[in-house]
N, C-alpha and C. Protein backbone atom coordinates (compact mmCIF):
# COMPACT_ATOMS: atom_id res chain seq x y z
N MET A 1 76.67 61.20 96.18
CA MET A 1 77.91 60.85 95.54
C MET A 1 77.79 61.08 94.03
N ARG A 2 78.70 61.82 93.46
CA ARG A 2 78.62 62.14 92.07
C ARG A 2 79.10 60.99 91.19
N TYR A 3 80.15 60.33 91.59
CA TYR A 3 80.70 59.22 90.78
C TYR A 3 80.77 57.97 91.66
N ARG A 4 80.58 56.85 91.01
CA ARG A 4 80.71 55.56 91.71
C ARG A 4 81.99 54.88 91.26
N VAL A 5 83.08 55.20 91.97
CA VAL A 5 84.40 54.67 91.58
C VAL A 5 84.47 53.21 91.96
N LYS A 6 84.89 52.40 90.98
CA LYS A 6 85.05 50.97 91.19
C LYS A 6 86.50 50.55 91.23
N ASN A 7 87.31 51.29 90.49
CA ASN A 7 88.75 50.96 90.38
C ASN A 7 89.58 52.24 90.46
N ILE A 8 90.79 52.11 91.02
CA ILE A 8 91.80 53.15 90.94
C ILE A 8 93.01 52.50 90.26
N VAL A 9 93.54 53.16 89.24
CA VAL A 9 94.67 52.63 88.49
C VAL A 9 95.93 53.41 88.91
N VAL A 10 96.97 52.66 89.27
CA VAL A 10 98.20 53.26 89.74
C VAL A 10 99.34 52.72 88.85
N GLY A 11 100.13 53.67 88.29
CA GLY A 11 101.30 53.26 87.52
C GLY A 11 102.33 52.61 88.42
N TYR A 12 102.97 51.54 87.99
CA TYR A 12 103.85 50.79 88.78
C TYR A 12 105.09 50.34 87.94
N PRO A 13 106.28 50.85 88.26
CA PRO A 13 107.42 50.47 87.44
C PRO A 13 107.89 49.06 87.74
N LYS A 14 108.29 48.35 86.75
CA LYS A 14 108.79 47.00 86.95
C LYS A 14 110.25 46.97 87.35
N LYS A 15 110.99 48.03 87.04
CA LYS A 15 112.44 48.00 87.17
C LYS A 15 112.99 48.61 88.46
N SER A 16 112.24 49.43 89.16
CA SER A 16 112.77 50.15 90.31
C SER A 16 112.12 49.67 91.62
N GLU A 17 112.86 48.85 92.38
CA GLU A 17 112.32 48.35 93.62
C GLU A 17 112.08 49.47 94.65
N ILE A 18 112.94 50.46 94.66
CA ILE A 18 112.79 51.58 95.58
C ILE A 18 111.44 52.30 95.35
N ILE A 19 111.19 52.57 94.09
CA ILE A 19 109.92 53.24 93.73
C ILE A 19 108.74 52.35 93.98
N GLN A 20 108.89 51.05 93.72
CA GLN A 20 107.83 50.10 94.00
C GLN A 20 107.47 50.13 95.47
N GLU A 21 108.47 50.18 96.34
CA GLU A 21 108.19 50.26 97.80
C GLU A 21 107.41 51.50 98.16
N LEU A 22 107.81 52.65 97.56
CA LEU A 22 107.09 53.89 97.84
C LEU A 22 105.63 53.81 97.36
N ILE A 23 105.45 53.28 96.17
CA ILE A 23 104.09 53.14 95.64
C ILE A 23 103.26 52.17 96.48
N ASP A 24 103.89 51.07 96.90
CA ASP A 24 103.19 50.13 97.78
C ASP A 24 102.72 50.81 99.07
N GLY A 25 103.56 51.68 99.63
CA GLY A 25 103.18 52.43 100.83
C GLY A 25 102.03 53.39 100.53
N PHE A 26 102.09 54.02 99.37
CA PHE A 26 100.99 54.91 98.97
C PHE A 26 99.71 54.13 98.85
N ILE A 27 99.77 52.98 98.17
CA ILE A 27 98.57 52.17 98.00
C ILE A 27 98.00 51.68 99.35
N LYS A 28 98.90 51.31 100.26
CA LYS A 28 98.46 50.86 101.60
C LYS A 28 97.70 52.01 102.31
N ASN A 29 98.31 53.21 102.28
CA ASN A 29 97.64 54.38 102.88
C ASN A 29 96.33 54.71 102.22
N LEU A 30 96.33 54.68 100.91
CA LEU A 30 95.13 54.96 100.13
C LEU A 30 94.03 54.00 100.45
N SER A 31 94.39 52.73 100.54
CA SER A 31 93.37 51.70 100.77
C SER A 31 92.69 51.84 102.13
N MET A 32 93.37 52.49 103.07
CA MET A 32 92.79 52.72 104.41
C MET A 32 91.80 53.88 104.34
N MET A 33 91.87 54.73 103.29
CA MET A 33 90.99 55.87 103.21
C MET A 33 89.81 55.69 102.28
N ILE A 34 89.76 54.60 101.55
CA ILE A 34 88.70 54.40 100.58
C ILE A 34 87.87 53.15 100.97
N SER A 35 86.75 53.00 100.29
CA SER A 35 85.89 51.88 100.52
C SER A 35 86.59 50.56 100.15
N GLU A 36 86.25 49.50 100.87
CA GLU A 36 86.81 48.20 100.56
C GLU A 36 86.33 47.68 99.19
N ASP A 37 85.27 48.27 98.69
CA ASP A 37 84.71 47.85 97.39
C ASP A 37 85.54 48.37 96.22
N ILE A 38 86.38 49.35 96.46
CA ILE A 38 87.20 49.93 95.40
C ILE A 38 88.48 49.11 95.23
N VAL A 39 88.74 48.67 94.04
CA VAL A 39 89.93 47.86 93.71
C VAL A 39 91.05 48.79 93.24
N ILE A 40 92.25 48.62 93.76
CA ILE A 40 93.39 49.37 93.32
C ILE A 40 94.24 48.43 92.43
N ASP A 41 94.32 48.80 91.14
CA ASP A 41 95.06 48.02 90.17
C ASP A 41 96.42 48.68 89.86
N LYS A 42 97.49 47.87 89.89
CA LYS A 42 98.81 48.38 89.52
C LYS A 42 99.06 47.98 88.04
N ILE A 43 99.47 49.00 87.26
CA ILE A 43 99.69 48.79 85.83
C ILE A 43 101.15 49.21 85.51
N ASP A 44 101.81 48.42 84.71
CA ASP A 44 103.17 48.71 84.29
C ASP A 44 103.25 50.09 83.65
N GLU A 45 104.11 50.95 84.21
CA GLU A 45 104.27 52.30 83.69
C GLU A 45 105.55 52.49 82.91
N ASP A 46 106.33 51.43 82.71
CA ASP A 46 107.62 51.55 82.05
C ASP A 46 107.43 52.12 80.64
N TYR A 47 108.25 53.04 80.28
CA TYR A 47 108.32 53.70 78.99
C TYR A 47 107.15 54.62 78.69
N THR A 48 106.23 54.87 79.61
CA THR A 48 105.13 55.79 79.33
C THR A 48 105.64 57.22 79.17
N THR A 49 106.73 57.58 79.86
CA THR A 49 107.25 58.94 79.68
C THR A 49 107.86 59.09 78.30
N VAL A 50 108.49 58.06 77.79
CA VAL A 50 109.03 58.08 76.40
C VAL A 50 107.86 58.23 75.45
N GLU A 51 106.82 57.44 75.63
CA GLU A 51 105.64 57.52 74.77
C GLU A 51 105.01 58.89 74.84
N ALA A 52 104.96 59.47 76.04
CA ALA A 52 104.41 60.80 76.21
C ALA A 52 105.24 61.83 75.42
N GLY A 53 106.55 61.69 75.48
CA GLY A 53 107.42 62.63 74.70
C GLY A 53 107.16 62.57 73.26
N GLU A 54 106.88 61.35 72.75
CA GLU A 54 106.58 61.20 71.31
C GLU A 54 105.25 61.89 70.98
N VAL A 55 104.26 61.75 71.82
CA VAL A 55 102.97 62.38 71.59
C VAL A 55 103.13 63.91 71.64
N ILE A 56 103.84 64.38 72.64
CA ILE A 56 104.04 65.83 72.78
C ILE A 56 104.76 66.40 71.56
N SER A 57 105.77 65.70 71.08
CA SER A 57 106.55 66.22 69.94
C SER A 57 105.67 66.35 68.72
N ASN A 58 104.63 65.51 68.59
CA ASN A 58 103.71 65.56 67.49
C ASN A 58 102.74 66.73 67.57
N PHE A 59 102.47 67.20 68.81
CA PHE A 59 101.46 68.25 69.00
C PHE A 59 102.05 69.50 69.68
N ARG A 60 103.33 69.61 69.80
CA ARG A 60 103.95 70.71 70.54
C ARG A 60 103.47 72.06 70.10
N ALA A 61 103.33 72.29 68.82
CA ALA A 61 102.94 73.62 68.33
C ALA A 61 101.48 73.94 68.77
N LYS A 62 100.64 72.92 68.85
CA LYS A 62 99.24 73.15 69.17
C LYS A 62 98.96 73.11 70.66
N GLU A 63 99.63 72.29 71.39
CA GLU A 63 99.32 72.03 72.80
C GLU A 63 100.52 72.22 73.70
N GLU A 64 100.99 73.40 73.90
CA GLU A 64 102.16 73.61 74.73
C GLU A 64 101.94 73.31 76.20
N LYS A 65 100.69 73.32 76.67
CA LYS A 65 100.41 73.11 78.08
C LYS A 65 100.38 71.59 78.42
N THR A 66 100.37 70.76 77.42
CA THR A 66 100.35 69.33 77.67
C THR A 66 101.66 68.92 78.32
N THR A 67 101.58 68.06 79.35
CA THR A 67 102.77 67.66 80.08
C THR A 67 102.99 66.15 79.88
N LYS A 68 104.25 65.74 80.06
CA LYS A 68 104.55 64.35 79.96
C LYS A 68 103.82 63.54 81.03
N ASP A 69 103.68 64.08 82.23
CA ASP A 69 102.99 63.36 83.29
C ASP A 69 101.54 63.08 82.94
N THR A 70 100.87 64.06 82.35
CA THR A 70 99.46 63.88 81.94
C THR A 70 99.36 62.80 80.90
N ILE A 71 100.21 62.85 79.89
CA ILE A 71 100.14 61.84 78.82
C ILE A 71 100.58 60.47 79.34
N SER A 72 101.57 60.46 80.24
CA SER A 72 101.97 59.18 80.86
C SER A 72 100.80 58.55 81.56
N ALA A 73 100.06 59.34 82.31
CA ALA A 73 98.86 58.83 83.01
C ALA A 73 97.84 58.30 82.03
N MET A 74 97.70 58.98 80.91
CA MET A 74 96.78 58.50 79.87
C MET A 74 97.24 57.15 79.32
N LYS A 75 98.54 56.99 79.12
CA LYS A 75 99.09 55.75 78.61
C LYS A 75 98.89 54.59 79.62
N ILE A 76 99.09 54.88 80.91
CA ILE A 76 98.86 53.89 81.94
C ILE A 76 97.40 53.43 81.90
N LEU A 77 96.49 54.41 81.83
CA LEU A 77 95.04 54.06 81.76
C LEU A 77 94.74 53.29 80.50
N GLU A 78 95.35 53.67 79.39
CA GLU A 78 95.13 52.96 78.14
C GLU A 78 95.56 51.49 78.28
N ARG A 79 96.72 51.24 78.86
CA ARG A 79 97.21 49.86 79.10
C ARG A 79 96.23 49.10 79.97
N TYR A 80 95.73 49.73 81.02
CA TYR A 80 94.74 49.10 81.92
C TYR A 80 93.51 48.69 81.12
N LEU A 81 92.99 49.57 80.32
CA LEU A 81 91.79 49.29 79.57
C LEU A 81 92.00 48.13 78.57
N VAL A 82 93.18 48.10 77.98
CA VAL A 82 93.50 46.99 77.05
C VAL A 82 93.57 45.67 77.82
N ILE A 83 94.30 45.67 78.96
CA ILE A 83 94.42 44.45 79.76
C ILE A 83 93.07 43.96 80.23
N LYS A 84 92.21 44.89 80.66
CA LYS A 84 90.88 44.51 81.16
C LYS A 84 89.88 44.29 80.05
N ASP A 85 90.30 44.56 78.80
CA ASP A 85 89.45 44.39 77.62
C ASP A 85 88.16 45.24 77.74
N ILE A 86 88.36 46.47 78.11
CA ILE A 86 87.22 47.41 78.26
C ILE A 86 87.11 48.30 77.05
């Protein structure tokens, strides 16, 4: 095994119950495929797309390949690290 994964971080919207149900289903399916030792953490993803748009606008000329989804994922992970004080 190349990496020893301890946690999986999943973005979770606070405002959309429909999307929450879809994500809960995804997490349930995922948890059946991974080790019981791996913790799946849900982190608030609200406004990460807006934050991603701000980051992209600052670097658009340099990094045209950067996408909002990638930066949103980075923001979700950043929130997780702050919450966990890592």
